[in-house]
Amino acid sequence: MENCLFCKILNRELKAEFIYENDEIACIKDIHPQAPTHLLIIPKKHIATILDLTHNDEKLIGKMVLKAGEIASEFNIGNKGFRLIFNCNKDAGQTVYHIHLHLVGGRKLKWPPG
């Protein structure tokens, strides 16, 4: 999508601090972190919301979650705890309409989240 912030980042049209990247997904640091570790795992395939996923995307979502766990361990938050979050649409706080998985940790997280 030509006006999508994450597509522009993935295409290197905008700068971001990349933590990980392969042919299907990338992980970047969130520019407005809500915790000491706040990363975004983003598929390279543009999918606007979780509601736009199809059964063909099952493996992609699984790869995103598995990579999030690996990265949490690399950032030494795996054993203490972390949160994975997909926001879907405005009321849930989605501001960029390209799905992305938030990996948040490095401090005690409260529940409910807000």
PDB file of N, CA and C in Angstrom:
ATOM      1  N   MET A   1       0.848  -1.178   0.000  1.00  0.00           N
ATOM      2  CA  MET A   1       0.000   0.000   0.000  1.00  0.00           C
ATOM      3  C   MET A   1       0.897   1.246   0.000  1.00  0.00           C
ATOM      4  N   GLU A   2       0.595   2.171  -0.841  1.00  0.00           N
ATOM      5  CA  GLU A   2       1.508   3.290  -1.029  1.00  0.00           C
ATOM      6  C   GLU A   2       1.577   4.271   0.128  1.00  0.00           C
ATOM      7  N   ASN A   3       0.520   4.420   0.924  1.00  0.00           N
ATOM      8  CA  ASN A   3       0.551   5.356   2.043  1.00  0.00           C
ATOM      9  C   ASN A   3       0.730   4.677   3.387  1.00  0.00           C
ATOM     10  N   CYS A   4       1.011   3.400   3.395  1.00  0.00           N
ATOM     11  CA  CYS A   4       1.139   2.654   4.641  1.00  0.00           C
ATOM     12  C   CYS A   4       2.506   2.917   5.289  1.00  0.00           C
ATOM     13  N   LEU A   5       2.475   3.373   6.525  1.00  0.00           N
ATOM     14  CA  LEU A   5       3.698   3.671   7.263  1.00  0.00           C
ATOM     15  C   LEU A   5       4.629   2.464   7.325  1.00  0.00           C
ATOM     16  N   PHE A   6       4.089   1.288   7.673  1.00  0.00           N
ATOM     17  CA  PHE A   6       4.947   0.110   7.810  1.00  0.00           C
ATOM     18  C   PHE A   6       5.464  -0.379   6.466  1.00  0.00           C
ATOM     19  N   CYS A   7       4.665  -0.262   5.419  1.00  0.00           N
ATOM     20  CA  CYS A   7       5.172  -0.624   4.092  1.00  0.00           C
ATOM     21  C   CYS A   7       6.348   0.273   3.710  1.00  0.00           C
ATOM     22  N   LYS A   8       6.242   1.553   4.034  1.00  0.00           N
ATOM     23  CA  LYS A   8       7.341   2.479   3.742  1.00  0.00           C
ATOM     24  C   LYS A   8       8.585   2.128   4.553  1.00  0.00           C
ATOM     25  N   ILE A   9       8.394   1.748   5.813  1.00  0.00           N
ATOM     26  CA  ILE A   9       9.541   1.333   6.636  1.00  0.00           C
ATOM     27  C   ILE A   9      10.162   0.062   6.071  1.00  0.00           C
ATOM     28  N   LEU A  10       9.334  -0.909   5.746  1.00  0.00           N
ATOM     29  CA  LEU A  10       9.840  -2.177   5.214  1.00  0.00           C
ATOM     30  C   LEU A  10      10.547  -1.987   3.882  1.00  0.00           C
ATOM     31  N   ASN A  11      10.114  -0.996   3.092  1.00  0.00           N
ATOM     32  CA  ASN A  11      10.750  -0.689   1.803  1.00  0.00           C
ATOM     33  C   ASN A  11      11.915   0.284   1.937  1.00  0.00           C
ATOM     34  N   ARG A  12      12.261   0.638   3.188  1.00  0.00           N
ATOM     35  CA  ARG A  12      13.371   1.533   3.496  1.00  0.00           C
ATOM     36  C   ARG A  12      13.147   2.957   2.994  1.00  0.00           C
ATOM     37  N   GLU A  13      11.888   3.332   2.813  1.00  0.00           N
ATOM     38  CA  GLU A  13      11.566   4.708   2.459  1.00  0.00           C
ATOM     39  C   GLU A  13      11.552   5.590   3.702  1.00  0.00           C
ATOM     40  N   LEU A  14      11.325   4.989   4.871  1.00  0.00           N
ATOM     41  CA  LEU A  14      11.386   5.666   6.159  1.00  0.00           C
ATOM     42  C   LEU A  14      12.332   4.895   7.057  1.00  0.00           C
ATOM     43  N   LYS A  15      12.978   5.607   7.968  1.00  0.00           N
ATOM     44  CA  LYS A  15      13.950   4.975   8.855  1.00  0.00           C
ATOM     45  C   LYS A  15      13.270   4.304  10.041  1.00  0.00           C
ATOM     46  N   ALA A  16      13.879   3.221  10.485  1.00  0.00           N
ATOM     47  CA  ALA A  16      13.468   2.522  11.698  1.00  0.00           C
ATOM     48  C   ALA A  16      14.676   1.714  12.164  1.00  0.00           C
ATOM     49  N   GLU A  17      14.663   1.369  13.447  1.00  0.00           N
ATOM     50  CA  GLU A  17      15.735   0.544  13.981  1.00  0.00           C
ATOM     51  C   GLU A  17      15.308  -0.916  13.894  1.00  0.00           C
ATOM     52  N   PHE A  18      15.890  -1.628  12.941  1.00  0.00           N
ATOM     53  CA  PHE A  18      15.559  -3.029  12.714  1.00  0.00           C
ATOM     54  C   PHE A  18      16.304  -3.916  13.702  1.00  0.00           C
ATOM     55  N   ILE A  19      15.572  -4.850  14.288  1.00  0.00           N
ATOM     56  CA  ILE A  19      16.120  -5.835  15.216  1.00  0.00           C
ATOM     57  C   ILE A  19      16.325  -7.158  14.501  1.00  0.00           C
ATOM     58  N   TYR A  20      15.413  -7.456  13.574  1.00  0.00           N
ATOM     59  CA  TYR A  20      15.413  -8.739  12.861  1.00  0.00           C
ATOM     60  C   TYR A  20      14.694  -8.544  11.538  1.00  0.00           C
ATOM     61  N   GLU A  21      15.095  -9.351  10.547  1.00  0.00           N
ATOM     62  CA  GLU A  21      14.401  -9.333   9.269  1.00  0.00           C
ATOM     63  C   GLU A  21      14.692 -10.608   8.500  1.00  0.00           C
ATOM     64  N   ASN A  22      13.645 -11.145   7.866  1.00  0.00           N
ATOM     65  CA  ASN A  22      13.813 -12.217   6.894  1.00  0.00           C
ATOM     66  C   ASN A  22      12.883 -11.915   5.722  1.00  0.00           C
ATOM     67  N   ASP A  23      12.607 -12.895   4.883  1.00  0.00           N
ATOM     68  CA  ASP A  23      11.787 -12.653   3.694  1.00  0.00           C
ATOM     69  C   ASP A  23      10.319 -12.374   4.012  1.00  0.00           C
ATOM     70  N   GLU A  24       9.850 -12.786   5.194  1.00  0.00           N
ATOM     71  CA  GLU A  24       8.431 -12.677   5.509  1.00  0.00           C
ATOM     72  C   GLU A  24       8.075 -11.668   6.603  1.00  0.00           C
ATOM     73  N   ILE A  25       8.998 -11.459   7.544  1.00  0.00           N
ATOM     74  CA  ILE A  25       8.698 -10.586   8.674  1.00  0.00           C
ATOM     75  C   ILE A  25       9.902  -9.726   9.037  1.00  0.00           C
ATOM     76  N   ALA A  26       9.613  -8.668   9.777  1.00  0.00           N
ATOM     77  CA  ALA A  26      10.672  -7.818  10.319  1.00  0.00           C
ATOM     78  C   ALA A  26      10.282  -7.434  11.741  1.00  0.00           C
ATOM     79  N   CYS A  27      11.283  -7.095  12.529  1.00  0.00           N
ATOM     80  CA  CYS A  27      11.057  -6.613  13.881  1.00  0.00           C
ATOM     81  C   CYS A  27      11.788  -5.295  14.024  1.00  0.00           C
ATOM     82  N   ILE A  28      11.050  -4.278  14.489  1.00  0.00           N
ATOM     83  CA  ILE A  28      11.634  -2.954  14.693  1.00  0.00           C
ATOM     84  C   ILE A  28      11.318  -2.472  16.102  1.00  0.00           C
ATOM     85  N   LYS A  29      12.085  -1.484  16.557  1.00  0.00           N
ATOM     86  CA  LYS A  29      11.785  -0.837  17.831  1.00  0.00           C
ATOM     87  C   LYS A  29      10.621   0.120  17.646  1.00  0.00           C
ATOM     88  N   ASP A  30       9.707   0.129  18.612  1.00  0.00           N
ATOM     89  CA  ASP A  30       8.588   1.059  18.598  1.00  0.00           C
ATOM     90  C   ASP A  30       9.129   2.465  18.888  1.00  0.00           C
ATOM     91  N   ILE A  31       8.654   3.463  18.142  1.00  0.00           N
ATOM     92  CA  ILE A  31       9.163   4.828  18.344  1.00  0.00           C
ATOM     93  C   ILE A  31       8.521   5.503  19.549  1.00  0.00           C
ATOM     94  N   HIS A  32       7.445   4.925  20.096  1.00  0.00           N
ATOM     95  CA  HIS A  32       6.807   5.438  21.306  1.00  0.00           C
ATOM     96  C   HIS A  32       6.687   4.291  22.308  1.00  0.00           C
ATOM     97  N   PRO A  33       7.816   3.824  22.848  1.00  0.00           N
ATOM     98  CA  PRO A  33       7.789   2.633  23.703  1.00  0.00           C
ATOM     99  C   PRO A  33       6.969   2.826  24.974  1.00  0.00           C
ATOM    100  N   GLN A  34       6.221   1.786  25.322  1.00  0.00           N
ATOM    101  CA  GLN A  34       5.404   1.781  26.528  1.00  0.00           C
ATOM    102  C   GLN A  34       6.046   0.967  27.645  1.00  0.00           C
ATOM    103  N   ALA A  35       7.226   0.443  27.383  1.00  0.00           N
ATOM    104  CA  ALA A  35       7.978  -0.349  28.354  1.00  0.00           C
ATOM    105  C   ALA A  35       9.437  -0.339  27.912  1.00  0.00           C
ATOM    106  N   PRO A  36      10.353  -0.756  28.796  1.00  0.00           N
ATOM    107  CA  PRO A  36      11.765  -0.782  28.398  1.00  0.00           C
ATOM    108  C   PRO A  36      12.023  -1.568  27.106  1.00  0.00           C
ATOM    109  N   THR A  37      11.295  -2.668  26.915  1.00  0.00           N
ATOM    110  CA  THR A  37      11.345  -3.389  25.646  1.00  0.00           C
ATOM    111  C   THR A  37       9.980  -3.252  25.001  1.00  0.00           C
ATOM    112  N   HIS A  38       9.942  -2.612  23.854  1.00  0.00           N
ATOM    113  CA  HIS A  38       8.696  -2.487  23.092  1.00  0.00           C
ATOM    114  C   HIS A  38       9.075  -2.570  21.623  1.00  0.00           C
ATOM    115  N   LEU A  39       8.826  -3.745  21.056  1.00  0.00           N
ATOM    116  CA  LEU A  39       9.190  -4.031  19.676  1.00  0.00           C
ATOM    117  C   LEU A  39       7.941  -4.363  18.879  1.00  0.00           C
ATOM    118  N   LEU A  40       8.029  -4.218  17.571  1.00  0.00           N
ATOM    119  CA  LEU A  40       6.924  -4.535  16.677  1.00  0.00           C
ATOM    120  C   LEU A  40       7.380  -5.589  15.685  1.00  0.00           C
ATOM    121  N   ILE A  41       6.640  -6.683  15.619  1.00  0.00           N
ATOM    122  CA  ILE A  41       6.903  -7.718  14.621  1.00  0.00           C
ATOM    123  C   ILE A  41       5.878  -7.503  13.516  1.00  0.00           C
ATOM    124  N   ILE A  42       6.371  -7.266  12.305  1.00  0.00           N
ATOM    125  CA  ILE A  42       5.528  -6.830  11.193  1.00  0.00           C
ATOM    126  C   ILE A  42       5.687  -7.786  10.021  1.00  0.00           C
ATOM    127  N   PRO A  43       4.568  -8.270   9.467  1.00  0.00           N
ATOM    128  CA  PRO A  43       4.695  -9.086   8.261  1.00  0.00           C
ATOM    129  C   PRO A  43       4.999  -8.193   7.060  1.00  0.00           C
ATOM    130  N   LYS A  44       5.751  -8.696   6.120  1.00  0.00           N
ATOM    131  CA  LYS A  44       6.033  -7.921   4.919  1.00  0.00           C
ATOM    132  C   LYS A  44       4.821  -7.878   3.995  1.00  0.00           C
ATOM    133  N   LYS A  45       3.949  -8.860   4.122  1.00  0.00           N
ATOM    134  CA  LYS A  45       2.698  -8.856   3.378  1.00  0.00           C
ATOM    135  C   LYS A  45       1.772  -7.833   4.028  1.00  0.00           C
ATOM    136  N   HIS A  46       1.229  -6.933   3.240  1.00  0.00           N
ATOM    137  CA  HIS A  46       0.317  -5.928   3.799  1.00  0.00           C
ATOM    138  C   HIS A  46      -1.036  -6.579   4.089  1.00  0.00           C
ATOM    139  N   ILE A  47      -1.399  -6.567   5.358  1.00  0.00           N
ATOM    140  CA  ILE A  47      -2.706  -7.032   5.817  1.00  0.00           C
ATOM    141  C   ILE A  47      -3.194  -5.933   6.753  1.00  0.00           C
ATOM    142  N   ALA A  48      -4.308  -5.309   6.446  1.00  0.00           N
ATOM    143  CA  ALA A  48      -4.743  -4.123   7.190  1.00  0.00           C
ATOM    144  C   ALA A  48      -5.076  -4.417   8.648  1.00  0.00           C
ATOM    145  N   THR A  49      -5.915  -5.412   8.912  1.00  0.00           N
ATOM    146  CA  THR A  49      -6.313  -5.733  10.278  1.00  0.00           C
ATOM    147  C   THR A  49      -6.356  -7.246  10.461  1.00  0.00           C
ATOM    148  N   ILE A  50      -6.475  -7.672  11.698  1.00  0.00           N
ATOM    149  CA  ILE A  50      -6.615  -9.092  12.001  1.00  0.00           C
ATOM    150  C   ILE A  50      -7.837  -9.662  11.284  1.00  0.00           C
ATOM    151  N   LEU A  51      -8.861  -8.859  11.094  1.00  0.00           N
ATOM    152  CA  LEU A  51     -10.076  -9.320  10.416  1.00  0.00           C
ATOM    153  C   LEU A  51      -9.851  -9.596   8.931  1.00  0.00           C
ATOM    154  N   ASP A  52      -8.732  -9.116   8.394  1.00  0.00           N
ATOM    155  CA  ASP A  52      -8.410  -9.336   6.986  1.00  0.00           C
ATOM    156  C   ASP A  52      -7.544 -10.570   6.751  1.00  0.00           C
ATOM    157  N   LEU A  53      -7.204 -11.271   7.816  1.00  0.00           N
ATOM    158  CA  LEU A  53      -6.431 -12.508   7.669  1.00  0.00           C
ATOM    159  C   LEU A  53      -7.268 -13.581   6.981  1.00  0.00           C
ATOM    160  N   THR A  54      -6.585 -14.456   6.262  1.00  0.00           N
ATOM    161  CA  THR A  54      -7.237 -15.620   5.671  1.00  0.00           C
ATOM    162  C   THR A  54      -6.519 -16.869   6.174  1.00  0.00           C
ATOM    163  N   HIS A  55      -7.081 -18.017   5.861  1.00  0.00           N
ATOM    164  CA  HIS A  55      -6.440 -19.269   6.269  1.00  0.00           C
ATOM    165  C   HIS A  55      -5.051 -19.405   5.644  1.00  0.00           C
ATOM    166  N   ASN A  56      -4.814 -18.733   4.539  1.00  0.00           N
ATOM    167  CA  ASN A  56      -3.484 -18.752   3.918  1.00  0.00           C
ATOM    168  C   ASN A  56      -2.440 -18.030   4.763  1.00  0.00           C
ATOM    169  N   ASP A  57      -2.873 -17.232   5.742  1.00  0.00           N
ATOM    170  CA  ASP A  57      -1.963 -16.458   6.589  1.00  0.00           C
ATOM    171  C   ASP A  57      -1.621 -17.160   7.906  1.00  0.00           C
ATOM    172  N   GLU A  58      -2.163 -18.361   8.127  1.00  0.00           N
ATOM    173  CA  GLU A  58      -1.948 -19.055   9.399  1.00  0.00           C
ATOM    174  C   GLU A  58      -0.465 -19.243   9.713  1.00  0.00           C
ATOM    175  N   LYS A  59       0.314 -19.707   8.757  1.00  0.00           N
ATOM    176  CA  LYS A  59       1.742 -19.935   8.998  1.00  0.00           C
ATOM    177  C   LYS A  59       2.478 -18.627   9.264  1.00  0.00           C
ATOM    178  N   LEU A  60       2.096 -17.582   8.568  1.00  0.00           N
ATOM    179  CA  LEU A  60       2.728 -16.272   8.757  1.00  0.00           C
ATOM    180  C   LEU A  60       2.525 -15.784  10.188  1.00  0.00           C
ATOM    181  N   ILE A  61       1.303 -15.882  10.691  1.00  0.00           N
ATOM    182  CA  ILE A  61       1.020 -15.445  12.056  1.00  0.00           C
ATOM    183  C   ILE A  61       1.785 -16.322  13.049  1.00  0.00           C
ATOM    184  N   GLY A  62       1.838 -17.600  12.801  1.00  0.00           N
ATOM    185  CA  GLY A  62       2.612 -18.494  13.662  1.00  0.00           C
ATOM    186  C   GLY A  62       4.085 -18.124  13.689  1.00  0.00           C
ATOM    187  N   LYS A  63       4.638 -17.772  12.545  1.00  0.00           N
ATOM    188  CA  LYS A  63       6.046 -17.369  12.478  1.00  0.00           C
ATOM    189  C   LYS A  63       6.279 -16.080  13.257  1.00  0.00           C
ATOM    190  N   MET A  64       5.316 -15.170  13.198  1.00  0.00           N
ATOM    191  CA  MET A  64       5.443 -13.918  13.947  1.00  0.00           C
ATOM    192  C   MET A  64       5.487 -14.197  15.452  1.00  0.00           C
ATOM    193  N   VAL A  65       4.599 -15.061  15.922  1.00  0.00           N
ATOM    194  CA  VAL A  65       4.541 -15.375  17.351  1.00  0.00           C
ATOM    195  C   VAL A  65       5.791 -16.128  17.794  1.00  0.00           C
ATOM    196  N   LEU A  66       6.229 -17.095  17.007  1.00  0.00           N
ATOM    197  CA  LEU A  66       7.452 -17.835  17.354  1.00  0.00           C
ATOM    198  C   LEU A  66       8.662 -16.908  17.410  1.00  0.00           C
ATOM    199  N   LYS A  67       8.784 -16.021  16.437  1.00  0.00           N
ATOM    200  CA  LYS A  67       9.913 -15.085  16.428  1.00  0.00           C
ATOM    201  C   LYS A  67       9.838 -14.142  17.619  1.00  0.00           C
ATOM    202  N   ALA A  68       8.635 -13.735  18.005  1.00  0.00           N
ATOM    203  CA  ALA A  68       8.482 -12.864  19.180  1.00  0.00           C
ATOM    204  C   ALA A  68       9.039 -13.549  20.418  1.00  0.00           C
ATOM    205  N   GLY A  69       8.756 -14.833  20.591  1.00  0.00           N
ATOM    206  CA  GLY A  69       9.296 -15.574  21.733  1.00  0.00           C
ATOM    207  C   GLY A  69      10.808 -15.648  21.695  1.00  0.00           C
ATOM    208  N   GLU A  70      11.376 -15.883  20.526  1.00  0.00           N
ATOM    209  CA  GLU A  70      12.833 -15.934  20.387  1.00  0.00           C
ATOM    210  C   GLU A  70      13.457 -14.583  20.725  1.00  0.00           C
ATOM    211  N   ILE A  71      12.859 -13.513  20.234  1.00  0.00           N
ATOM    212  CA  ILE A  71      13.384 -12.175  20.489  1.00  0.00           C
ATOM    213  C   ILE A  71      13.251 -11.824  21.970  1.00  0.00           C
ATOM    214  N   ALA A  72      12.141 -12.219  22.597  1.00  0.00           N
ATOM    215  CA  ALA A  72      11.974 -11.976  24.039  1.00  0.00           C
ATOM    216  C   ALA A  72      13.118 -12.632  24.809  1.00  0.00           C
ATOM    217  N   SER A  73      13.485 -13.833  24.426  1.00  0.00           N
ATOM    218  CA  SER A  73      14.611 -14.509  25.087  1.00  0.00           C
ATOM    219  C   SER A  73      15.919 -13.767  24.832  1.00  0.00           C
ATOM    220  N   GLU A  74      16.126 -13.311  23.607  1.00  0.00           N
ATOM    221  CA  GLU A  74      17.341 -12.559  23.273  1.00  0.00           C
ATOM    222  C   GLU A  74      17.436 -11.262  24.072  1.00  0.00           C
ATOM    223  N   PHE A  75      16.302 -10.660  24.387  1.00  0.00           N
ATOM    224  CA  PHE A  75      16.270  -9.415  25.152  1.00  0.00           C
ATOM    225  C   PHE A  75      16.179  -9.655  26.657  1.00  0.00           C
ATOM    226  N   ASN A  76      16.350 -10.918  27.052  1.00  0.00           N
ATOM    227  CA  ASN A  76      16.363 -11.319  28.466  1.00  0.00           C
ATOM    228  C   ASN A  76      15.089 -10.960  29.218  1.00  0.00           C
ATOM    229  N   ILE A  77      13.949 -11.025  28.529  1.00  0.00           N
ATOM    230  CA  ILE A  77      12.674 -10.808  29.210  1.00  0.00           C
ATOM    231  C   ILE A  77      11.801 -12.063  29.166  1.00  0.00           C
ATOM    232  N   GLY A  78      12.294 -13.102  28.530  1.00  0.00           N
ATOM    233  CA  GLY A  78      11.505 -14.314  28.384  1.00  0.00           C
ATOM    234  C   GLY A  78      11.129 -14.954  29.703  1.00  0.00           C
ATOM    235  N   ASN A  79      12.062 -15.077  30.616  1.00  0.00           N
ATOM    236  CA  ASN A  79      11.793 -15.741  31.888  1.00  0.00           C
ATOM    237  C   ASN A  79      10.994 -14.877  32.854  1.00  0.00           C
ATOM    238  N   LYS A  80      11.208 -13.580  32.829  1.00  0.00           N
ATOM    239  CA  LYS A  80      10.465 -12.685  33.738  1.00  0.00           C
ATOM    240  C   LYS A  80       9.037 -12.472  33.263  1.00  0.00           C
ATOM    241  N   GLY A  81       8.842 -12.380  31.971  1.00  0.00           N
ATOM    242  CA  GLY A  81       7.512 -12.204  31.412  1.00  0.00           C
ATOM    243  C   GLY A  81       7.439 -11.061  30.417  1.00  0.00           C
ATOM    244  N   PHE A  82       6.543 -11.222  29.477  1.00  0.00           N
ATOM    245  CA  PHE A  82       6.329 -10.223  28.431  1.00  0.00           C
ATOM    246  C   PHE A  82       4.907 -10.379  27.929  1.00  0.00           C
ATOM    247  N   ARG A  83       4.473  -9.436  27.127  1.00  0.00           N
ATOM    248  CA  ARG A  83       3.128  -9.467  26.569  1.00  0.00           C
ATOM    249  C   ARG A  83       3.208  -9.344  25.057  1.00  0.00           C
ATOM    250  N   LEU A  84       2.354 -10.099  24.364  1.00  0.00           N
ATOM    251  CA  LEU A  84       2.196  -9.997  22.914  1.00  0.00           C
ATOM    252  C   LEU A  84       0.804  -9.430  22.658  1.00  0.00           C
ATOM    253  N   ILE A  85       0.734  -8.417  21.797  1.00  0.00           N
ATOM    254  CA  ILE A  85      -0.533  -7.711  21.581  1.00  0.00           C
ATOM    255  C   ILE A  85      -0.745  -7.444  20.093  1.00  0.00           C
ATOM    256  N   PHE A  86      -1.914  -7.838  19.610  1.00  0.00           N
ATOM    257  CA  PHE A  86      -2.407  -7.398  18.308  1.00  0.00           C
ATOM    258  C   PHE A  86      -3.569  -6.451  18.598  1.00  0.00           C
ATOM    259  N   ASN A  87      -3.509  -5.213  18.151  1.00  0.00           N
ATOM    260  CA  ASN A  87      -4.645  -4.300  18.254  1.00  0.00           C
ATOM    261  C   ASN A  87      -5.424  -4.390  16.945  1.00  0.00           C
ATOM    262  N   CYS A  88      -6.744  -4.373  17.043  1.00  0.00           N
ATOM    263  CA  CYS A  88      -7.572  -4.463  15.842  1.00  0.00           C
ATOM    264  C   CYS A  88      -8.605  -3.341  15.835  1.00  0.00           C
ATOM    265  N   ASN A  89      -8.400  -2.407  14.956  1.00  0.00           N
ATOM    266  CA  ASN A  89      -9.280  -1.265  14.717  1.00  0.00           C
ATOM    267  C   ASN A  89      -9.173  -0.191  15.797  1.00  0.00           C
ATOM    268  N   LYS A  90      -9.854   0.901  15.559  1.00  0.00           N
ATOM    269  CA  LYS A  90      -9.694   2.139  16.321  1.00  0.00           C
ATOM    270  C   LYS A  90      -9.895   1.985  17.828  1.00  0.00           C
ATOM    271  N   ASP A  91     -10.978   1.374  18.259  1.00  0.00           N
ATOM    272  CA  ASP A  91     -11.263   1.283  19.693  1.00  0.00           C
ATOM    273  C   ASP A  91     -10.240   0.450  20.450  1.00  0.00           C
ATOM    274  N   ALA A  92      -9.516  -0.405  19.756  1.00  0.00           N
ATOM    275  CA  ALA A  92      -8.471  -1.201  20.394  1.00  0.00           C
ATOM    276  C   ALA A  92      -7.115  -0.502  20.349  1.00  0.00           C
ATOM    277  N   GLY A  93      -7.045   0.637  19.687  1.00  0.00           N
ATOM    278  CA  GLY A  93      -5.808   1.397  19.637  1.00  0.00           C
ATOM    279  C   GLY A  93      -4.982   1.205  18.382  1.00  0.00           C
ATOM    280  N   GLN A  94      -5.534   0.546  17.372  1.00  0.00           N
ATOM    281  CA  GLN A  94      -4.773   0.386  16.127  1.00  0.00           C
ATOM    282  C   GLN A  94      -4.709   1.725  15.419  1.00  0.00           C
ATOM    283  N   THR A  95      -3.503   2.202  15.166  1.00  0.00           N
ATOM    284  CA  THR A  95      -3.326   3.477  14.472  1.00  0.00           C
ATOM    285  C   THR A  95      -2.676   3.306  13.103  1.00  0.00           C
ATOM    286  N   VAL A  96      -1.968   2.195  12.904  1.00  0.00           N
ATOM    287  CA  VAL A  96      -1.386   1.883  11.601  1.00  0.00           C
ATOM    288  C   VAL A  96      -2.120   0.649  11.090  1.00  0.00           C
ATOM    289  N   TYR A  97      -2.735   0.780   9.929  1.00  0.00           N
ATOM    290  CA  TYR A  97      -3.544  -0.313   9.393  1.00  0.00           C
ATOM    291  C   TYR A  97      -2.704  -1.233   8.509  1.00  0.00           C
ATOM    292  N   HIS A  98      -1.787  -1.883   9.195  1.00  0.00           N
ATOM    293  CA  HIS A  98      -0.927  -2.958   8.682  1.00  0.00           C
ATOM    294  C   HIS A  98      -0.657  -3.767   9.941  1.00  0.00           C
ATOM    295  N   ILE A  99      -1.154  -5.007  10.008  1.00  0.00           N
ATOM    296  CA  ILE A  99      -1.053  -5.739  11.267  1.00  0.00           C
ATOM    297  C   ILE A  99       0.380  -5.768  11.778  1.00  0.00           C
ATOM    298  N   HIS A 100       0.490  -5.761  13.081  1.00  0.00           N
ATOM    299  CA  HIS A 100       1.791  -5.822  13.737  1.00  0.00           C
ATOM    300  C   HIS A 100       1.584  -6.349  15.147  1.00  0.00           C
ATOM    301  N   LEU A 101       2.539  -7.108  15.594  1.00  0.00           N
ATOM    302  CA  LEU A 101       2.486  -7.729  16.908  1.00  0.00           C
ATOM    303  C   LEU A 101       3.412  -6.966  17.838  1.00  0.00           C
ATOM    304  N   HIS A 102       2.842  -6.394  18.896  1.00  0.00           N
ATOM    305  CA  HIS A 102       3.647  -5.691  19.889  1.00  0.00           C
ATOM    306  C   HIS A 102       4.263  -6.725  20.831  1.00  0.00           C
ATOM    307  N   LEU A 103       5.543  -6.599  21.082  1.00  0.00           N
ATOM    308  CA  LEU A 103       6.259  -7.378  22.089  1.00  0.00           C
ATOM    309  C   LEU A 103       6.677  -6.384  23.165  1.00  0.00           C
ATOM    310  N   VAL A 104       6.067  -6.514  24.348  1.00  0.00           N
ATOM    311  CA  VAL A 104       6.251  -5.528  25.410  1.00  0.00           C
ATOM    312  C   VAL A 104       6.730  -6.235  26.666  1.00  0.00           C
ATOM    313  N   GLY A 105       7.770  -5.707  27.278  1.00  0.00           N
ATOM    314  CA  GLY A 105       8.269  -6.285  28.527  1.00  0.00           C
ATOM    315  C   GLY A 105       9.380  -5.439  29.120  1.00  0.00           C
ATOM    316  N   GLY A 106      10.047  -6.017  30.106  1.00  0.00           N
ATOM    317  CA  GLY A 106      11.125  -5.310  30.771  1.00  0.00           C
ATOM    318  C   GLY A 106      10.689  -4.567  32.013  1.00  0.00           C
ATOM    319  N   ARG A 107       9.415  -4.676  32.358  1.00  0.00           N
ATOM    320  CA  ARG A 107       8.870  -4.118  33.596  1.00  0.00           C
ATOM    321  C   ARG A 107       7.629  -4.932  33.948  1.00  0.00           C
ATOM    322  N   LYS A 108       7.145  -4.769  35.177  1.00  0.00           N
ATOM    323  CA  LYS A 108       5.923  -5.449  35.589  1.00  0.00           C
ATOM    324  C   LYS A 108       4.753  -4.812  34.847  1.00  0.00           C
ATOM    325  N   LEU A 109       3.989  -5.629  34.146  1.00  0.00           N
ATOM    326  CA  LEU A 109       2.858  -5.142  33.369  1.00  0.00           C
ATOM    327  C   LEU A 109       1.575  -5.328  34.176  1.00  0.00           C
ATOM    328  N   LYS A 110       0.702  -4.355  34.107  1.00  0.00           N
ATOM    329  CA  LYS A 110      -0.549  -4.402  34.865  1.00  0.00           C
ATOM    330  C   LYS A 110      -1.668  -5.020  34.050  1.00  0.00           C
ATOM    331  N   TRP A 111      -2.689  -5.494  34.770  1.00  0.00           N
ATOM    332  CA  TRP A 111      -3.866  -6.029  34.128  1.00  0.00           C
ATOM    333  C   TRP A 111      -5.103  -5.529  34.856  1.00  0.00           C
ATOM    334  N   PRO A 112      -6.120  -5.067  34.223  1.00  0.00           N
ATOM    335  CA  PRO A 112      -6.245  -4.982  32.765  1.00  0.00           C
ATOM    336  C   PRO A 112      -5.346  -3.901  32.186  1.00  0.00           C
ATOM    337  N   PRO A 113      -5.012  -4.045  30.884  1.00  0.00           N
ATOM    338  CA  PRO A 113      -4.049  -3.131  30.304  1.00  0.00           C
ATOM    339  C   PRO A 113      -4.540  -1.705  30.135  1.00  0.00           C
ATOM    340  N   GLY A 114      -5.831  -1.472  30.030  1.00  0.00           N
ATOM    341  CA  GLY A 114      -6.290  -0.095  29.909  1.00  0.00           C
ATOM    342  C   GLY A 114      -7.468   0.068  29.014  1.00  0.00           C
TER     343      GLY A 114
END
